[in-house]
Amino acid sequence: YGDHPDLHSFPTRRSSDLLGRFPAAFQRAVLRGATRLWFTHAALRAALAESGVPDCVRPMGWEGAPVSGARERGAGAPLAVMVSRLVPVKRVELAVRALGGLTRDGVNVNLVVLGDGPERPALEALARRVAPGRVRWEGAVDGDVRDAWLTRASVFVHTAGGLADGRTEGAPVALVEAMAAGLAVVAVDHGGVREIVGDAGRVVRETDVAEALRELLTDGALRARLGARARERAAAWRWDALAAALEQELFSPSSCPG
């Protein structure tokens, strides 16, 4: 795989994309002896010259028991959730600014951010300016706490994308995990995001995050339909299902398993 569940935005850029900058002959030499290449999204596949090696395109898997599809929303405003390292490539400020715009327009919504990183002080200061009292910063959490918030959420937000230095988004496992929990998603269109989300959410430009959130937050029936589609799509990417496909490929390679 050209990605990693915890560090995917770093090695993807520094390994797969780096290899893609070398001449085709060098790429083929590096890949000599490979019998199967699996990519987490199509952009990684496109970065390499034709190698003649059979390949598959499919996101990283997720593990653990599926989160209950029953939403446990309590009293108060609808809840948007993000799971993200607080680093530039994740562009969490897009979500905070979108929330600020919705709040100014009278849309009742709160945001919970699960994750930590060096940008947290600046992001907290931004939230105090544009959406005071509307953003909760949970810091780094374990899987149980993450799943509890996903169960309470109305919608999942993912804003990672491209930076001026060339870093960009890959195939985010956090997005797959949210879909597995039955959440409709709003995600910015970079890397493998559109391939993952499909018809299970709204994949938008950076400037359209607020409008996509407004649509989902004000239409519960639409959220439910998209959440059901999300859960169905993500089911095929559980690690136990992917492990069976990998085993099949190792012992009887043919075409990319579904």
Protein backbone atom coordinates (compact mmCIF):
# COMPACT_ATOMS: atom_id res chain seq x y z
CA TYR A 1 0.00 0.00 0.00
CA GLY A 2 1.12 3.55 -0.71
CA ASP A 3 -0.26 4.89 2.54
CA HIS A 4 -0.33 4.32 6.31
CA PRO A 5 -3.27 4.73 8.70
CA ASP A 6 -1.47 7.01 11.14
CA LEU A 7 1.11 8.81 9.03
CA HIS A 8 -0.48 8.74 5.60
CA SER A 9 -0.07 12.39 4.61
CA PHE A 10 3.69 12.25 5.24
CA PRO A 11 4.95 9.05 3.60
CA THR A 12 2.53 9.34 0.71
CA ARG A 13 4.05 12.63 -0.31
CA ARG A 14 7.64 11.67 0.41
CA SER A 15 7.65 8.16 -1.08
CA SER A 16 5.03 7.64 -3.77
CA ASP A 17 5.19 11.19 -5.13
CA LEU A 18 8.99 11.25 -4.89
CA LEU A 19 9.22 8.06 -6.92
CA GLY A 20 6.83 9.59 -9.44
CA ARG A 21 9.31 12.41 -10.14
CA PHE A 22 12.04 10.05 -11.33
CA PRO A 23 12.37 8.86 -14.95
CA ALA A 24 10.21 5.93 -15.98
CA ALA A 25 13.24 3.65 -16.29
CA PHE A 26 14.21 4.33 -12.68
CA GLN A 27 10.64 3.70 -11.50
CA ARG A 28 10.55 0.36 -13.29
CA ALA A 29 13.89 -0.61 -11.75
CA VAL A 30 12.62 0.17 -8.24
CA LEU A 31 9.47 -1.87 -8.85
CA ARG A 32 11.25 -4.79 -10.50
CA GLY A 33 10.21 -8.04 -8.86
CA ALA A 34 6.86 -6.73 -7.62
CA THR A 35 3.92 -8.98 -8.48
CA ARG A 36 1.12 -6.66 -7.37
CA LEU A 37 0.83 -2.94 -6.65
CA TRP A 38 -2.01 -1.67 -4.47
CA PHE A 39 -2.65 2.08 -4.31
CA THR A 40 -4.89 3.88 -1.82
CA HIS A 41 -6.19 6.28 -4.45
CA ALA A 42 -5.95 6.92 -8.17
CA ALA A 43 -3.63 9.93 -7.91
CA LEU A 44 -0.89 7.69 -6.49
CA ARG A 45 -1.36 5.27 -9.33
CA ALA A 46 -1.20 8.10 -11.87
CA ALA A 47 2.08 9.39 -10.37
CA LEU A 48 3.97 6.29 -11.54
CA ALA A 49 4.82 5.33 -15.08
CA GLU A 50 3.31 2.19 -16.56
CA SER A 51 5.16 -0.66 -14.87
CA GLY A 52 3.47 -3.66 -16.39
CA VAL A 53 2.68 -4.89 -12.85
CA PRO A 54 -1.02 -5.60 -12.12
CA ASP A 55 -2.42 -3.12 -9.65
CA CYS A 56 -5.45 -2.27 -7.51
CA VAL A 57 -6.81 1.03 -6.21
CA ARG A 58 -8.56 0.85 -2.85
CA PRO A 59 -8.36 2.84 0.43
CA MET A 60 -6.80 1.71 3.68
CA GLY A 61 -8.96 -0.46 5.89
CA TRP A 62 -10.51 0.17 9.28
CA GLU A 63 -10.82 -2.13 12.24
CA GLY A 64 -12.89 -2.68 15.33
CA ALA A 65 -16.58 -3.22 15.86
CA PRO A 66 -18.90 -1.06 13.76
CA VAL A 67 -20.17 1.99 15.64
CA SER A 68 -23.90 1.89 16.29
CA GLY A 69 -25.93 3.45 13.52
CA ALA A 70 -28.35 4.93 16.09
CA ARG A 71 -27.52 8.58 16.60
CA GLU A 72 -27.37 9.50 20.28
CA ARG A 73 -27.84 13.20 19.96
CA GLY A 74 -28.80 14.90 23.18
CA ALA A 75 -30.23 18.32 23.79
CA GLY A 76 -28.65 21.35 22.21
CA ALA A 77 -27.24 22.27 18.83
CA PRO A 78 -26.54 19.72 16.08
CA LEU A 79 -22.96 18.53 16.21
CA ALA A 80 -20.29 18.42 13.52
CA VAL A 81 -17.18 16.34 14.27
CA MET A 82 -13.66 16.36 12.85
CA VAL A 83 -10.88 13.81 13.48
CA SER A 84 -7.62 15.41 12.46
CA ARG A 85 -4.05 16.20 13.38
CA LEU A 86 -3.78 19.96 13.83
CA VAL A 87 -1.17 20.57 11.13
CA PRO A 88 -1.30 22.80 8.03
CA VAL A 89 -2.21 20.12 5.46
CA LYS A 90 -5.41 19.30 7.40
CA ARG A 91 -6.64 22.91 7.00
CA VAL A 92 -8.91 22.77 10.05
CA GLU A 93 -9.28 26.55 9.76
CA LEU A 94 -11.65 25.96 6.81
CA ALA A 95 -14.09 24.17 9.10
CA VAL A 96 -13.76 26.79 11.84
CA ARG A 97 -14.41 29.63 9.40
CA ALA A 98 -17.37 27.76 7.87
CA LEU A 99 -18.81 27.31 11.35
CA GLY A 100 -18.36 31.02 12.01
CA GLY A 101 -20.27 31.89 8.85
CA LEU A 102 -23.12 29.54 9.71
CA THR A 103 -23.31 30.94 13.25
CA ARG A 104 -23.55 34.49 11.90
CA ASP A 105 -26.39 33.33 9.65
CA GLY A 106 -28.29 31.93 12.60
CA VAL A 107 -27.57 28.23 11.98
CA ASN A 108 -27.39 26.45 15.34
CA VAL A 109 -24.37 24.09 15.19
CA ASN A 110 -21.34 23.18 17.29
CA LEU A 111 -18.05 21.62 16.21
CA VAL A 112 -15.93 19.09 18.10
CA VAL A 113 -12.33 18.58 16.95
CA LEU A 114 -10.63 15.32 17.95
CA GLY A 115 -6.87 15.52 17.56
CA ASP A 116 -3.91 17.65 18.48
CA GLY A 117 -0.89 19.29 16.91
CA PRO A 118 1.23 22.44 16.64
CA GLU A 119 -1.54 24.54 15.06
CA ARG A 120 -3.88 24.18 18.01
CA PRO A 121 -3.15 27.56 19.69
CA ALA A 122 -3.72 29.47 16.44
CA LEU A 123 -6.87 27.49 15.65
CA GLU A 124 -8.28 28.07 19.14
CA ALA A 125 -7.64 31.79 18.76
CA LEU A 126 -9.40 31.78 15.37
CA ALA A 127 -12.39 29.96 16.85
CA ARG A 128 -12.67 32.50 19.67
CA ARG A 129 -12.84 35.27 17.06
CA VAL A 130 -15.21 33.81 14.47
CA ALA A 131 -17.27 31.23 16.40
CA PRO A 132 -17.01 31.97 20.13
CA GLY A 133 -18.28 29.15 22.29
CA ARG A 134 -19.02 26.92 19.29
CA VAL A 135 -15.83 24.80 18.98
CA ARG A 136 -14.70 22.18 21.47
CA TRP A 137 -11.09 20.94 21.33
CA GLU A 138 -10.76 17.42 22.72
CA GLY A 139 -7.09 16.84 21.89
CA ALA A 140 -5.75 13.35 21.18
CA VAL A 141 -8.30 10.64 22.02
CA ASP A 142 -8.45 6.87 21.92
CA GLY A 143 -10.75 4.80 19.73
CA ASP A 144 -13.50 4.49 22.32
CA VAL A 145 -13.76 8.24 22.82
CA ARG A 146 -13.67 8.82 19.05
CA ASP A 147 -16.49 6.32 18.52
CA ALA A 148 -18.57 7.94 21.26
CA TRP A 149 -18.34 11.30 19.50
CA LEU A 150 -19.11 9.76 16.11
CA THR A 151 -22.27 8.27 17.58
CA ARG A 152 -23.37 11.68 18.87
CA ALA A 153 -22.50 13.58 15.69
CA SER A 154 -24.91 14.77 13.02
CA VAL A 155 -22.24 15.17 10.32
CA PHE A 156 -18.51 14.57 9.80
CA VAL A 157 -16.23 17.25 8.36
CA HIS A 158 -12.95 16.68 6.51
CA THR A 159 -11.04 19.67 5.12
CA ALA A 160 -7.52 18.43 4.33
CA GLY A 161 -6.08 19.31 0.95
CA GLY A 162 -3.24 20.85 -1.00
CA LEU A 163 -0.55 23.25 0.22
CA ALA A 164 1.78 25.53 -1.71
CA ASP A 165 4.75 23.23 -1.07
CA GLY A 166 3.02 20.34 -2.85
CA ARG A 167 1.79 18.38 0.15
CA THR A 168 -1.76 17.16 -0.27
CA GLU A 169 -4.33 14.72 1.06
CA GLY A 170 -4.17 10.99 0.47
CA ALA A 171 -6.89 8.47 1.32
CA PRO A 172 -7.90 9.50 4.86
CA VAL A 173 -8.69 6.63 7.22
CA ALA A 174 -10.57 9.03 9.53
CA LEU A 175 -13.04 9.59 6.71
CA VAL A 176 -13.55 5.85 6.23
CA GLU A 177 -14.08 5.39 9.98
CA ALA A 178 -16.72 8.13 10.06
CA MET A 179 -18.53 6.56 7.13
CA ALA A 180 -18.39 3.18 8.87
CA ALA A 181 -20.18 4.86 11.78
CA GLY A 182 -23.03 5.80 9.45
CA LEU A 183 -22.24 9.50 9.23
CA ALA A 184 -22.94 11.69 6.25
CA VAL A 185 -19.78 13.64 5.44
CA VAL A 186 -18.74 17.00 4.06
CA ALA A 187 -15.24 16.74 2.59
CA VAL A 188 -13.00 18.93 0.47
CA ASP A 189 -12.12 17.43 -2.90
CA HIS A 190 -8.44 16.43 -2.76
CA GLY A 191 -6.46 13.22 -3.13
CA GLY A 192 -8.62 10.13 -2.87
CA VAL A 193 -11.49 11.80 -1.02
CA ARG A 194 -13.98 11.75 -3.91
CA GLU A 195 -13.23 8.07 -4.57
CA ILE A 196 -13.91 7.21 -0.93
CA VAL A 197 -17.05 9.28 -0.38
CA GLY A 198 -18.82 8.52 -3.65
CA ASP A 199 -22.54 9.22 -3.20
CA ALA A 200 -22.37 9.04 0.60
CA GLY A 201 -21.79 12.74 1.28
CA ARG A 202 -20.88 16.08 -0.18
CA VAL A 203 -17.42 16.50 -1.76
CA VAL A 204 -16.89 20.20 -2.34
CA ARG A 205 -14.46 23.01 -3.06
CA GLU A 206 -12.79 24.82 -0.18
CA THR A 207 -15.21 27.74 -0.59
CA ASP A 208 -18.33 25.56 -0.35
CA VAL A 209 -17.83 23.85 3.03
CA ALA A 210 -20.32 26.11 4.83
CA GLU A 211 -23.09 25.61 2.26
CA ALA A 212 -22.66 21.84 2.26
CA LEU A 213 -22.85 21.81 6.05
CA ARG A 214 -25.95 24.00 5.97
CA GLU A 215 -27.65 21.57 3.57
CA LEU A 216 -26.97 18.50 5.70
CA LEU A 217 -27.68 20.15 9.04
CA THR A 218 -31.09 21.36 7.92
CA ASP A 219 -32.23 18.13 6.20
CA GLY A 220 -32.36 15.19 8.57
CA ALA A 221 -33.82 12.83 5.96
CA LEU A 222 -30.93 13.56 3.60
CA ARG A 223 -28.41 12.99 6.39
CA ALA A 224 -29.97 9.63 7.15
CA ARG A 225 -29.88 8.52 3.49
CA LEU A 226 -26.27 9.57 3.05
CA GLY A 227 -25.27 7.98 6.35
CA ALA A 228 -26.77 4.66 5.30
CA ARG A 229 -24.88 4.79 2.00
CA ALA A 230 -21.68 5.67 3.87
CA ARG A 231 -21.98 2.67 6.16
CA GLU A 232 -22.60 0.37 3.20
CA ARG A 233 -19.58 1.69 1.27
CA ALA A 234 -17.25 1.43 4.26
CA ALA A 235 -18.24 -2.15 5.09
CA ALA A 236 -16.16 -3.45 2.19
CA TRP A 237 -13.04 -1.79 3.62
CA ARG A 238 -12.94 -3.48 7.01
CA TRP A 239 -9.51 -5.00 7.56
CA ASP A 240 -10.91 -8.50 7.86
CA ALA A 241 -12.51 -8.16 4.41
CA LEU A 242 -9.36 -6.63 2.94
CA ALA A 243 -7.21 -9.35 4.53
CA ALA A 244 -9.21 -12.02 2.75
CA ALA A 245 -8.76 -10.18 -0.55
CA LEU A 246 -5.03 -9.77 0.06
CA GLU A 247 -4.67 -13.46 0.82
CA GLN A 248 -6.50 -14.32 -2.37
CA GLU A 249 -4.17 -12.09 -4.36
CA LEU A 250 -1.02 -13.51 -2.78
CA PHE A 251 -1.90 -17.10 -3.60
CA SER A 252 -3.87 -16.73 -6.81
CA PRO A 253 -3.15 -13.31 -8.35
CA SER A 254 -5.52 -12.37 -11.11
CA SER A 255 -7.52 -9.16 -11.23
CA CYS A 256 -8.04 -6.69 -8.42
CA PRO A 257 -10.58 -8.23 -6.01
CA GLY A 258 -13.73 -6.24 -5.30
